[in-house]
């Protein structure tokens, strides 16, 4: 999206949640090109259980590739459901 001057503005780096919240509340976001944004999931729940399993090497490699394509570390990877 182009702003009045004909150029697309870059989003600033915000160093705290408070600054990000203020920015989103006060700034006209239509000035920014957000097409390159990716949806991100955050996990806030504490982890209480562990899983230890053996998998065939090919399956583990496929899961690692899928996590890499999704841009998340393997322990945090959740493949899309049906």
Protein backbone atom coordinates (compact mmCIF):
# COMPACT_ATOMS: atom_id res chain seq x y z
CA UNK A 1 0.00 0.00 0.00
CA UNK A 2 1.33 3.46 -0.81
CA UNK A 3 1.21 6.39 1.58
CA UNK A 4 0.55 9.98 0.52
CA UNK A 5 4.14 10.49 -0.62
CA UNK A 6 3.83 7.45 -2.90
CA UNK A 7 6.12 5.18 -0.87
CA UNK A 8 5.33 2.29 1.44
CA UNK A 9 6.33 2.85 5.05
CA UNK A 10 8.24 0.16 6.95
CA UNK A 11 6.98 -1.04 10.30
CA UNK A 12 9.22 0.13 13.15
CA UNK A 13 10.91 -2.33 15.48
CA UNK A 14 9.08 -2.16 18.78
CA UNK A 15 11.04 -3.30 21.81
CA UNK A 16 8.20 -3.99 24.24
CA UNK A 17 4.62 -5.22 24.27
CA UNK A 18 3.52 -1.87 25.70
CA UNK A 19 5.10 0.05 22.79
CA UNK A 20 3.55 -2.38 20.27
CA UNK A 21 0.11 -2.01 21.83
CA UNK A 22 0.37 1.78 21.76
CA UNK A 23 1.59 1.73 18.15
CA UNK A 24 -1.33 -0.44 16.97
CA UNK A 25 -3.84 1.67 18.90
CA UNK A 26 -2.59 5.04 17.67
CA UNK A 27 -1.22 4.57 14.14
CA UNK A 28 -3.15 4.25 10.88
CA UNK A 29 -2.00 0.78 9.78
CA UNK A 30 -3.23 1.35 6.22
CA UNK A 31 0.02 3.29 5.68
CA UNK A 32 1.95 0.02 5.82
CA UNK A 33 2.22 -2.87 3.38
CA UNK A 34 1.32 -5.87 5.56
CA UNK A 35 1.17 -8.47 2.77
CA UNK A 36 4.47 -10.02 3.87
CA UNK A 37 3.25 -10.65 7.41
CA UNK A 38 2.96 -14.25 8.63
CA UNK A 39 0.48 -15.54 11.18
CA UNK A 40 2.21 -16.69 14.37
CA UNK A 41 0.96 -18.82 17.22
CA UNK A 42 2.27 -18.27 20.72
CA UNK A 43 2.15 -20.86 23.47
CA UNK A 44 1.58 -19.52 26.96
CA UNK A 45 0.47 -22.62 28.83
CA UNK A 46 3.10 -24.25 31.07
CA UNK A 47 4.37 -27.63 29.94
CA UNK A 48 3.81 -30.34 32.55
CA UNK A 49 4.21 -33.57 30.58
CA UNK A 50 6.92 -35.11 28.43
CA UNK A 51 6.68 -37.50 25.52
CA UNK A 52 9.45 -39.85 24.53
CA UNK A 53 8.85 -41.91 21.39
CA UNK A 54 10.79 -43.75 18.76
CA UNK A 55 9.98 -43.01 15.13
CA UNK A 56 11.25 -44.33 11.84
CA UNK A 57 14.05 -42.05 10.57
CA UNK A 58 12.09 -41.11 7.44
CA UNK A 59 9.09 -39.96 9.46
CA UNK A 60 11.23 -37.89 11.83
CA UNK A 61 13.04 -36.30 8.86
CA UNK A 62 9.68 -35.42 7.25
CA UNK A 63 8.45 -33.81 10.49
CA UNK A 64 11.71 -31.83 10.80
CA UNK A 65 11.34 -30.58 7.21
CA UNK A 66 7.74 -29.54 7.87
CA UNK A 67 8.78 -27.66 11.03
CA UNK A 68 11.58 -25.96 9.10
CA UNK A 69 9.17 -24.90 6.33
CA UNK A 70 6.81 -23.53 9.00
CA UNK A 71 9.72 -21.60 10.52
CA UNK A 72 9.36 -23.03 14.02
CA UNK A 73 11.64 -25.20 16.16
CA UNK A 74 10.79 -28.89 16.15
CA UNK A 75 9.65 -29.00 19.84
CA UNK A 76 7.10 -26.22 19.15
CA UNK A 77 5.87 -27.61 15.82
CA UNK A 78 2.18 -28.47 15.54
CA UNK A 79 1.27 -29.82 12.11
CA UNK A 80 -2.00 -28.53 10.70
CA UNK A 81 -4.95 -30.74 11.55
CA UNK A 82 -7.44 -32.30 9.15
